[in-house]
Amino acid sequence: MDFAFQHCHRLGHICEGCHSDDVLFPFQPASDVSQCEQCKACFHTPCYENLPLVMDADGDDERRKCSKCERIRAVREARRRALPHEEEEEEEGND
């Protein structure tokens, strides 16, 4: 396998909408591939256009509800919830 192909292929994405086996690249035409503006996940354009619209965190603009952004948000929230709990356990151990 040619190095340029291997390197380029590693930059490919799987559609976050339908999870098909198609390898998507951000540089493909917008008629074929769309990217989440926040996390840069790639979608087939029809899959992206079918995502529900939600208000952004500021409440100023609508954006597509990206599944990858939701996973990132959930992980951050879980970590945030875990941190105070870990700190409480450390304080209890010091008594």
PDB file of N, CA and C in Angstrom:
ATOM      1  N   MET A   1       0.850  -1.176   0.000  1.00  0.00           N
ATOM      2  CA  MET A   1       0.000   0.000   0.000  1.00  0.00           C
ATOM      3  C   MET A   1       0.895   1.239   0.000  1.00  0.00           C
ATOM      4  N   ASP A   2       0.588   2.169  -0.813  1.00  0.00           N
ATOM      5  CA  ASP A   2       1.331   3.409  -0.979  1.00  0.00           C
ATOM      6  C   ASP A   2       1.207   4.283   0.284  1.00  0.00           C
ATOM      7  N   PHE A   3       2.325   4.935   0.700  1.00  0.00           N
ATOM      8  CA  PHE A   3       2.349   5.736   1.927  1.00  0.00           C
ATOM      9  C   PHE A   3       1.317   6.852   1.901  1.00  0.00           C
ATOM     10  N   ALA A   4       1.211   7.570   0.785  1.00  0.00           N
ATOM     11  CA  ALA A   4       0.251   8.680   0.691  1.00  0.00           C
ATOM     12  C   ALA A   4      -1.163   8.173   0.922  1.00  0.00           C
ATOM     13  N   PHE A   5      -1.491   7.012   0.369  1.00  0.00           N
ATOM     14  CA  PHE A   5      -2.827   6.450   0.556  1.00  0.00           C
ATOM     15  C   PHE A   5      -3.039   6.074   2.013  1.00  0.00           C
ATOM     16  N   GLN A   6      -2.035   5.430   2.637  1.00  0.00           N
ATOM     17  CA  GLN A   6      -2.156   5.033   4.035  1.00  0.00           C
ATOM     18  C   GLN A   6      -2.352   6.250   4.926  1.00  0.00           C
ATOM     19  N   HIS A   7      -1.569   7.301   4.680  1.00  0.00           N
ATOM     20  CA  HIS A   7      -1.672   8.511   5.484  1.00  0.00           C
ATOM     21  C   HIS A   7      -3.048   9.145   5.318  1.00  0.00           C
ATOM     22  N   CYS A   8      -3.498   9.271   4.100  1.00  0.00           N
ATOM     23  CA  CYS A   8      -4.794   9.889   3.814  1.00  0.00           C
ATOM     24  C   CYS A   8      -5.922   9.050   4.404  1.00  0.00           C
ATOM     25  N   HIS A   9      -5.817   7.737   4.283  1.00  0.00           N
ATOM     26  CA  HIS A   9      -6.873   6.849   4.764  1.00  0.00           C
ATOM     27  C   HIS A   9      -7.041   6.968   6.280  1.00  0.00           C
ATOM     28  N   ARG A  10      -5.949   7.232   7.002  1.00  0.00           N
ATOM     29  CA  ARG A  10      -6.036   7.405   8.454  1.00  0.00           C
ATOM     30  C   ARG A  10      -6.772   8.677   8.835  1.00  0.00           C
ATOM     31  N   LEU A  11      -6.911   9.603   7.898  1.00  0.00           N
ATOM     32  CA  LEU A  11      -7.627  10.847   8.161  1.00  0.00           C
ATOM     33  C   LEU A  11      -9.127  10.698   7.899  1.00  0.00           C
ATOM     34  N   GLY A  12      -9.533   9.530   7.464  1.00  0.00           N
ATOM     35  CA  GLY A  12     -10.930   9.285   7.132  1.00  0.00           C
ATOM     36  C   GLY A  12     -11.799   9.155   8.373  1.00  0.00           C
ATOM     37  N   HIS A  13     -13.087   9.340   8.165  1.00  0.00           N
ATOM     38  CA  HIS A  13     -14.080   9.269   9.229  1.00  0.00           C
ATOM     39  C   HIS A  13     -15.203   8.332   8.807  1.00  0.00           C
ATOM     40  N   ILE A  14     -15.918   7.808   9.766  1.00  0.00           N
ATOM     41  CA  ILE A  14     -17.144   7.065   9.524  1.00  0.00           C
ATOM     42  C   ILE A  14     -18.291   8.029   9.836  1.00  0.00           C
ATOM     43  N   CYS A  15     -19.341   7.987   9.050  1.00  0.00           N
ATOM     44  CA  CYS A  15     -20.480   8.880   9.250  1.00  0.00           C
ATOM     45  C   CYS A  15     -21.045   8.700  10.652  1.00  0.00           C
ATOM     46  N   GLU A  16     -21.137   9.797  11.397  1.00  0.00           N
ATOM     47  CA  GLU A  16     -21.693   9.768  12.749  1.00  0.00           C
ATOM     48  C   GLU A  16     -23.208   9.580  12.723  1.00  0.00           C
ATOM     49  N   GLY A  17     -23.810   9.752  11.555  1.00  0.00           N
ATOM     50  CA  GLY A  17     -25.260   9.610  11.455  1.00  0.00           C
ATOM     51  C   GLY A  17     -25.693   8.186  11.201  1.00  0.00           C
ATOM     52  N   CYS A  18     -25.149   7.563  10.142  1.00  0.00           N
ATOM     53  CA  CYS A  18     -25.600   6.223   9.745  1.00  0.00           C
ATOM     54  C   CYS A  18     -24.581   5.132  10.044  1.00  0.00           C
ATOM     55  N   HIS A  19     -23.342   5.512  10.364  1.00  0.00           N
ATOM     56  CA  HIS A  19     -22.272   4.566  10.708  1.00  0.00           C
ATOM     57  C   HIS A  19     -22.011   3.536   9.598  1.00  0.00           C
ATOM     58  N   SER A  20     -22.218   3.934   8.347  1.00  0.00           N
ATOM     59  CA  SER A  20     -21.949   3.010   7.240  1.00  0.00           C
ATOM     60  C   SER A  20     -20.449   2.789   7.114  1.00  0.00           C
ATOM     61  N   ASP A  21     -20.061   1.850   6.295  1.00  0.00           N
ATOM     62  CA  ASP A  21     -18.646   1.534   6.108  1.00  0.00           C
ATOM     63  C   ASP A  21     -17.933   2.503   5.169  1.00  0.00           C
ATOM     64  N   ASP A  22     -18.653   3.469   4.598  1.00  0.00           N
ATOM     65  CA  ASP A  22     -18.022   4.464   3.716  1.00  0.00           C
ATOM     66  C   ASP A  22     -17.006   5.263   4.523  1.00  0.00           C
ATOM     67  N   VAL A  23     -15.830   5.467   3.968  1.00  0.00           N
ATOM     68  CA  VAL A  23     -14.836   6.314   4.614  1.00  0.00           C
ATOM     69  C   VAL A  23     -15.024   7.722   4.063  1.00  0.00           C
ATOM     70  N   LEU A  24     -15.274   8.664   4.970  1.00  0.00           N
ATOM     71  CA  LEU A  24     -15.528  10.059   4.587  1.00  0.00           C
ATOM     72  C   LEU A  24     -14.305  10.911   4.910  1.00  0.00           C
ATOM     73  N   PHE A  25     -14.086  11.901   4.080  1.00  0.00           N
ATOM     74  CA  PHE A  25     -12.979  12.826   4.283  1.00  0.00           C
ATOM     75  C   PHE A  25     -13.519  14.247   4.312  1.00  0.00           C
ATOM     76  N   PRO A  26     -13.017  15.089   5.211  1.00  0.00           N
ATOM     77  CA  PRO A  26     -13.521  16.454   5.329  1.00  0.00           C
ATOM     78  C   PRO A  26     -13.331  17.288   4.065  1.00  0.00           C
ATOM     79  N   PHE A  27     -12.395  16.895   3.210  1.00  0.00           N
ATOM     80  CA  PHE A  27     -12.133  17.674   2.000  1.00  0.00           C
ATOM     81  C   PHE A  27     -13.016  17.262   0.831  1.00  0.00           C
ATOM     82  N   GLN A  28     -13.913  16.292   1.040  1.00  0.00           N
ATOM     83  CA  GLN A  28     -14.835  15.910  -0.023  1.00  0.00           C
ATOM     84  C   GLN A  28     -15.838  17.042  -0.248  1.00  0.00           C
ATOM     85  N   PRO A  29     -16.470  17.100  -1.414  1.00  0.00           N
ATOM     86  CA  PRO A  29     -17.431  18.176  -1.696  1.00  0.00           C
ATOM     87  C   PRO A  29     -18.550  18.224  -0.654  1.00  0.00           C
ATOM     88  N   ALA A  30     -19.009  19.434  -0.341  1.00  0.00           N
ATOM     89  CA  ALA A  30     -20.076  19.624   0.649  1.00  0.00           C
ATOM     90  C   ALA A  30     -21.360  18.918   0.243  1.00  0.00           C
ATOM     91  N   SER A  31     -21.523  18.647  -1.027  1.00  0.00           N
ATOM     92  CA  SER A  31     -22.716  17.917  -1.456  1.00  0.00           C
ATOM     93  C   SER A  31     -22.661  16.463  -0.978  1.00  0.00           C
ATOM     94  N   ASP A  32     -21.459  15.974  -0.645  1.00  0.00           N
ATOM     95  CA  ASP A  32     -21.278  14.594  -0.190  1.00  0.00           C
ATOM     96  C   ASP A  32     -21.050  14.488   1.316  1.00  0.00           C
ATOM     97  N   VAL A  33     -20.242  15.406   1.865  1.00  0.00           N
ATOM     98  CA  VAL A  33     -19.817  15.314   3.267  1.00  0.00           C
ATOM     99  C   VAL A  33     -20.018  16.652   3.966  1.00  0.00           C
ATOM    100  N   SER A  34     -20.574  16.597   5.176  1.00  0.00           N
ATOM    101  CA  SER A  34     -20.719  17.785   6.024  1.00  0.00           C
ATOM    102  C   SER A  34     -20.005  17.509   7.333  1.00  0.00           C
ATOM    103  N   GLN A  35     -19.500  18.573   7.952  1.00  0.00           N
ATOM    104  CA  GLN A  35     -18.801  18.444   9.235  1.00  0.00           C
ATOM    105  C   GLN A  35     -19.511  19.242  10.302  1.00  0.00           C
ATOM    106  N   CYS A  36     -19.499  18.705  11.516  1.00  0.00           N
ATOM    107  CA  CYS A  36     -19.999  19.446  12.669  1.00  0.00           C
ATOM    108  C   CYS A  36     -19.050  20.632  12.878  1.00  0.00           C
ATOM    109  N   GLU A  37     -19.600  21.801  13.073  1.00  0.00           N
ATOM    110  CA  GLU A  37     -18.761  22.988  13.259  1.00  0.00           C
ATOM    111  C   GLU A  37     -17.998  22.952  14.569  1.00  0.00           C
ATOM    112  N   GLN A  38     -18.506  22.222  15.552  1.00  0.00           N
ATOM    113  CA  GLN A  38     -17.865  22.207  16.870  1.00  0.00           C
ATOM    114  C   GLN A  38     -16.795  21.137  16.991  1.00  0.00           C
ATOM    115  N   CYS A  39     -17.126  19.883  16.694  1.00  0.00           N
ATOM    116  CA  CYS A  39     -16.168  18.788  16.930  1.00  0.00           C
ATOM    117  C   CYS A  39     -15.525  18.270  15.648  1.00  0.00           C
ATOM    118  N   LYS A  40     -15.990  18.755  14.525  1.00  0.00           N
ATOM    119  CA  LYS A  40     -15.454  18.386  13.203  1.00  0.00           C
ATOM    120  C   LYS A  40     -15.754  16.945  12.793  1.00  0.00           C
ATOM    121  N   ALA A  41     -16.730  16.308  13.434  1.00  0.00           N
ATOM    122  CA  ALA A  41     -17.153  14.967  13.015  1.00  0.00           C
ATOM    123  C   ALA A  41     -17.716  15.056  11.597  1.00  0.00           C
ATOM    124  N   CYS A  42     -17.531  13.995  10.828  1.00  0.00           N
ATOM    125  CA  CYS A  42     -18.009  13.970   9.446  1.00  0.00           C
ATOM    126  C   CYS A  42     -19.309  13.179   9.334  1.00  0.00           C
ATOM    127  N   PHE A  43     -20.154  13.627   8.452  1.00  0.00           N
ATOM    128  CA  PHE A  43     -21.435  13.001   8.165  1.00  0.00           C
ATOM    129  C   PHE A  43     -21.638  12.996   6.661  1.00  0.00           C
ATOM    130  N   HIS A  44     -22.407  12.022   6.145  1.00  0.00           N
ATOM    131  CA  HIS A  44     -22.927  12.185   4.797  1.00  0.00           C
ATOM    132  C   HIS A  44     -23.822  13.419   4.881  1.00  0.00           C
ATOM    133  N   THR A  45     -23.829  14.261   3.881  1.00  0.00           N
ATOM    134  CA  THR A  45     -24.622  15.486   3.948  1.00  0.00           C
ATOM    135  C   THR A  45     -26.095  15.206   4.247  1.00  0.00           C
ATOM    136  N   PRO A  46     -26.734  14.215   3.606  1.00  0.00           N
ATOM    137  CA  PRO A  46     -28.141  13.959   3.967  1.00  0.00           C
ATOM    138  C   PRO A  46     -28.310  13.534   5.435  1.00  0.00           C
ATOM    139  N   CYS A  47     -27.346  12.780   5.972  1.00  0.00           N
ATOM    140  CA  CYS A  47     -27.415  12.373   7.384  1.00  0.00           C
ATOM    141  C   CYS A  47     -27.320  13.607   8.282  1.00  0.00           C
ATOM    142  N   TYR A  48     -26.418  14.519   7.954  1.00  0.00           N
ATOM    143  CA  TYR A  48     -26.243  15.743   8.742  1.00  0.00           C
ATOM    144  C   TYR A  48     -27.495  16.602   8.691  1.00  0.00           C
ATOM    145  N   GLU A  49     -28.065  16.727   7.508  1.00  0.00           N
ATOM    146  CA  GLU A  49     -29.258  17.564   7.350  1.00  0.00           C
ATOM    147  C   GLU A  49     -30.469  16.978   8.074  1.00  0.00           C
ATOM    148  N   ASN A  50     -30.453  15.678   8.361  1.00  0.00           N
ATOM    149  CA  ASN A  50     -31.552  15.042   9.089  1.00  0.00           C
ATOM    150  C   ASN A  50     -31.401  15.127  10.602  1.00  0.00           C
ATOM    151  N   LEU A  51     -30.256  15.637  11.089  1.00  0.00           N
ATOM    152  CA  LEU A  51     -30.080  15.795  12.532  1.00  0.00           C
ATOM    153  C   LEU A  51     -31.025  16.876  13.041  1.00  0.00           C
ATOM    154  N   PRO A  52     -31.572  16.706  14.249  1.00  0.00           N
ATOM    155  CA  PRO A  52     -32.461  17.738  14.788  1.00  0.00           C
ATOM    156  C   PRO A  52     -31.694  19.026  15.088  1.00  0.00           C
ATOM    157  N   LEU A  53     -32.392  20.135  15.000  1.00  0.00           N
ATOM    158  CA  LEU A  53     -31.819  21.432  15.349  1.00  0.00           C
ATOM    159  C   LEU A  53     -32.027  21.689  16.830  1.00  0.00           C
ATOM    160  N   VAL A  54     -30.998  22.214  17.493  1.00  0.00           N
ATOM    161  CA  VAL A  54     -31.074  22.592  18.902  1.00  0.00           C
ATOM    162  C   VAL A  54     -30.446  23.971  19.052  1.00  0.00           C
ATOM    163  N   MET A  55     -30.762  24.636  20.134  1.00  0.00           N
ATOM    164  CA  MET A  55     -30.146  25.938  20.403  1.00  0.00           C
ATOM    165  C   MET A  55     -28.745  25.715  20.956  1.00  0.00           C
ATOM    166  N   ASP A  56     -27.809  26.576  20.576  1.00  0.00           N
ATOM    167  CA  ASP A  56     -26.449  26.439  21.102  1.00  0.00           C
ATOM    168  C   ASP A  56     -26.429  26.850  22.575  1.00  0.00           C
ATOM    169  N   ALA A  57     -25.305  26.678  23.224  1.00  0.00           N
ATOM    170  CA  ALA A  57     -25.188  26.928  24.663  1.00  0.00           C
ATOM    171  C   ALA A  57     -25.529  28.367  25.031  1.00  0.00           C
ATOM    172  N   ASP A  58     -25.228  29.307  24.130  1.00  0.00           N
ATOM    173  CA  ASP A  58     -25.521  30.717  24.394  1.00  0.00           C
ATOM    174  C   ASP A  58     -26.992  31.046  24.191  1.00  0.00           C
ATOM    175  N   GLY A  59     -27.700  30.162  23.490  1.00  0.00           N
ATOM    176  CA  GLY A  59     -29.101  30.424  23.175  1.00  0.00           C
ATOM    177  C   GLY A  59     -29.271  31.407  22.039  1.00  0.00           C
ATOM    178  N   ASP A  60     -28.174  31.688  21.315  1.00  0.00           N
ATOM    179  CA  ASP A  60     -28.230  32.668  20.229  1.00  0.00           C
ATOM    180  C   ASP A  60     -28.536  32.041  18.879  1.00  0.00           C
ATOM    181  N   ASP A  61     -27.986  30.873  18.619  1.00  0.00           N
ATOM    182  CA  ASP A  61     -28.097  30.263  17.296  1.00  0.00           C
ATOM    183  C   ASP A  61     -28.548  28.818  17.400  1.00  0.00           C
ATOM    184  N   GLU A  62     -29.149  28.348  16.311  1.00  0.00           N
ATOM    185  CA  GLU A  62     -29.483  26.939  16.213  1.00  0.00           C
ATOM    186  C   GLU A  62     -28.293  26.203  15.612  1.00  0.00           C
ATOM    187  N   ARG A  63     -28.136  24.963  16.014  1.00  0.00           N
ATOM    188  CA  ARG A  63     -27.099  24.104  15.453  1.00  0.00           C
ATOM    189  C   ARG A  63     -27.673  22.705  15.351  1.00  0.00           C
ATOM    190  N   ARG A  64     -26.995  21.854  14.598  1.00  0.00           N
ATOM    191  CA  ARG A  64     -27.415  20.459  14.487  1.00  0.00           C
ATOM    192  C   ARG A  64     -26.993  19.710  15.745  1.00  0.00           C
ATOM    193  N   LYS A  65     -27.818  18.780  16.200  1.00  0.00           N
ATOM    194  CA  LYS A  65     -27.498  17.988  17.393  1.00  0.00           C
ATOM    195  C   LYS A  65     -26.604  16.830  16.976  1.00  0.00           C
ATOM    196  N   CYS A  66     -25.315  17.020  17.129  1.00  0.00           N
ATOM    197  CA  CYS A  66     -24.298  16.058  16.710  1.00  0.00           C
ATOM    198  C   CYS A  66     -24.115  14.984  17.783  1.00  0.00           C
ATOM    199  N   SER A  67     -24.131  13.716  17.372  1.00  0.00           N
ATOM    200  CA  SER A  67     -23.987  12.611  18.323  1.00  0.00           C
ATOM    201  C   SER A  67     -22.602  12.604  18.985  1.00  0.00           C
ATOM    202  N   LYS A  68     -21.577  12.983  18.249  1.00  0.00           N
ATOM    203  CA  LYS A  68     -20.239  13.017  18.845  1.00  0.00           C
ATOM    204  C   LYS A  68     -20.145  14.126  19.886  1.00  0.00           C
ATOM    205  N   CYS A  69     -20.704  15.294  19.589  1.00  0.00           N
ATOM    206  CA  CYS A  69     -20.721  16.389  20.565  1.00  0.00           C
ATOM    207  C   CYS A  69     -21.469  15.964  21.825  1.00  0.00           C
ATOM    208  N   GLU A  70     -22.558  15.218  21.650  1.00  0.00           N
ATOM    209  CA  GLU A  70     -23.331  14.741  22.795  1.00  0.00           C
ATOM    210  C   GLU A  70     -22.504  13.766  23.639  1.00  0.00           C
ATOM    211  N   ARG A  71     -21.745  12.879  22.988  1.00  0.00           N
ATOM    212  CA  ARG A  71     -20.886  11.949  23.731  1.00  0.00           C
ATOM    213  C   ARG A  71     -19.800  12.706  24.486  1.00  0.00           C
ATOM    214  N   ILE A  72     -19.188  13.689  23.829  1.00  0.00           N
ATOM    215  CA  ILE A  72     -18.147  14.500  24.474  1.00  0.00           C
ATOM    216  C   ILE A  72     -18.730  15.221  25.682  1.00  0.00           C
ATOM    217  N   ARG A  73     -19.918  15.812  25.518  1.00  0.00           N
ATOM    218  CA  ARG A  73     -20.575  16.529  26.604  1.00  0.00           C
ATOM    219  C   ARG A  73     -20.880  15.585  27.768  1.00  0.00           C
ATOM    220  N   ALA A  74     -21.367  14.379  27.463  1.00  0.00           N
ATOM    221  CA  ALA A  74     -21.704  13.413  28.502  1.00  0.00           C
ATOM    222  C   ALA A  74     -20.458  12.971  29.275  1.00  0.00           C
ATOM    223  N   VAL A  75     -19.353  12.747  28.583  1.00  0.00           N
ATOM    224  CA  VAL A  75     -18.102  12.348  29.249  1.00  0.00           C
ATOM    225  C   VAL A  75     -17.611  13.475  30.149  1.00  0.00           C
ATOM    226  N   ARG A  76     -17.654  14.699  29.644  1.00  0.00           N
ATOM    227  CA  ARG A  76     -17.210  15.844  30.461  1.00  0.00           C
ATOM    228  C   ARG A  76     -18.083  15.995  31.699  1.00  0.00           C
ATOM    229  N   GLU A  77     -19.386  15.823  31.526  1.00  0.00           N
ATOM    230  CA  GLU A  77     -20.309  15.938  32.653  1.00  0.00           C
ATOM    231  C   GLU A  77     -20.044  14.838  33.674  1.00  0.00           C
ATOM    232  N   ALA A  78     -19.806  13.623  33.199  1.00  0.00           N
ATOM    233  CA  ALA A  78     -19.513  12.512  34.112  1.00  0.00           C
ATOM    234  C   ALA A  78     -18.215  12.770  34.869  1.00  0.00           C
ATOM    235  N   ARG A  79     -17.220  13.288  34.190  1.00  0.00           N
ATOM    236  CA  ARG A  79     -15.950  13.606  34.861  1.00  0.00           C
ATOM    237  C   ARG A  79     -16.136  14.718  35.888  1.00  0.00           C
ATOM    238  N   ARG A  80     -16.938  15.717  35.503  1.00  0.00           N
ATOM    239  CA  ARG A  80     -17.189  16.836  36.405  1.00  0.00           C
ATOM    240  C   ARG A  80     -17.888  16.343  37.666  1.00  0.00           C
ATOM    241  N   ARG A  81     -18.857  15.442  37.503  1.00  0.00           N
ATOM    242  CA  ARG A  81     -19.577  14.893  38.649  1.00  0.00           C
ATOM    243  C   ARG A  81     -18.666  14.019  39.507  1.00  0.00           C
ATOM    244  N   ALA A  82     -17.737  13.326  38.874  1.00  0.00           N
ATOM    245  CA  ALA A  82     -16.854  12.419  39.607  1.00  0.00           C
ATOM    246  C   ALA A  82     -15.811  13.173  40.425  1.00  0.00           C
ATOM    247  N   LEU A  83     -15.368  14.312  39.950  1.00  0.00           N
ATOM    248  CA  LEU A  83     -14.301  15.041  40.646  1.00  0.00           C
ATOM    249  C   LEU A  83     -14.673  15.451  42.061  1.00  0.00           C
ATOM    250  N   PRO A  84     -15.798  16.117  42.289  1.00  0.00           N
ATOM    251  CA  PRO A  84     -16.112  16.490  43.680  1.00  0.00           C
ATOM    252  C   PRO A  84     -16.241  15.266  44.574  1.00  0.00           C
ATOM    253  N   HIS A  85     -16.771  14.182  44.045  1.00  0.00           N
ATOM    254  CA  HIS A  85     -16.926  12.957  44.814  1.00  0.00           C
ATOM    255  C   HIS A  85     -15.551  12.415  45.202  1.00  0.00           C
ATOM    256  N   GLU A  86     -14.597  12.439  44.289  1.00  0.00           N
ATOM    257  CA  GLU A  86     -13.234  11.976  44.593  1.00  0.00           C
ATOM    258  C   GLU A  86     -12.593  12.859  45.651  1.00  0.00           C
ATOM    259  N   GLU A  87     -12.822  14.178  45.567  1.00  0.00           N
ATOM    260  CA  GLU A  87     -12.245  15.097  46.541  1.00  0.00           C
ATOM    261  C   GLU A  87     -12.822  14.825  47.929  1.00  0.00           C
ATOM    262  N   GLU A  88     -14.141  14.522  48.007  1.00  0.00           N
ATOM    263  CA  GLU A  88     -14.762  14.217  49.294  1.00  0.00           C
ATOM    264  C   GLU A  88     -14.142  12.962  49.904  1.00  0.00           C
ATOM    265  N   GLU A  89     -13.897  11.938  49.069  1.00  0.00           N
ATOM    266  CA  GLU A  89     -13.293  10.706  49.568  1.00  0.00           C
ATOM    267  C   GLU A  89     -11.896  10.962  50.109  1.00  0.00           C
ATOM    268  N   GLU A  90     -11.121  11.828  49.430  1.00  0.00           N
ATOM    269  CA  GLU A  90      -9.775  12.137  49.888  1.00  0.00           C
ATOM    270  C   GLU A  90      -9.830  12.865  51.237  1.00  0.00           C
ATOM    271  N   GLU A  91     -10.794  13.807  51.378  1.00  0.00           N
ATOM    272  CA  GLU A  91     -10.921  14.543  52.638  1.00  0.00           C
ATOM    273  C   GLU A  91     -11.293  13.602  53.770  1.00  0.00           C
ATOM    274  N   GLU A  92     -12.193  12.637  53.506  1.00  0.00           N
ATOM    275  CA  GLU A  92     -12.603  11.684  54.527  1.00  0.00           C
ATOM    276  C   GLU A  92     -11.421  10.825  54.948  1.00  0.00           C
ATOM    277  N   GLY A  93     -10.557  10.459  54.011  1.00  0.00           N
ATOM    278  CA  GLY A  93      -9.389   9.639  54.312  1.00  0.00           C
ATOM    279  C   GLY A  93      -8.352  10.370  55.138  1.00  0.00           C
ATOM    280  N   ASN A  94      -8.327  11.706  55.067  1.00  0.00           N
ATOM    281  CA  ASN A  94      -7.355  12.503  55.808  1.00  0.00           C
ATOM    282  C   ASN A  94      -7.772  12.731  57.247  1.00  0.00           C
ATOM    283  N   ASP A  95      -9.017  12.454  57.597  1.00  0.00           N
ATOM    284  CA  ASP A  95      -9.499  12.690  58.981  1.00  0.00           C
ATOM    285  C   ASP A  95      -8.985  11.673  59.942  1.00  0.00           C
TER     286      ASP A  95
END
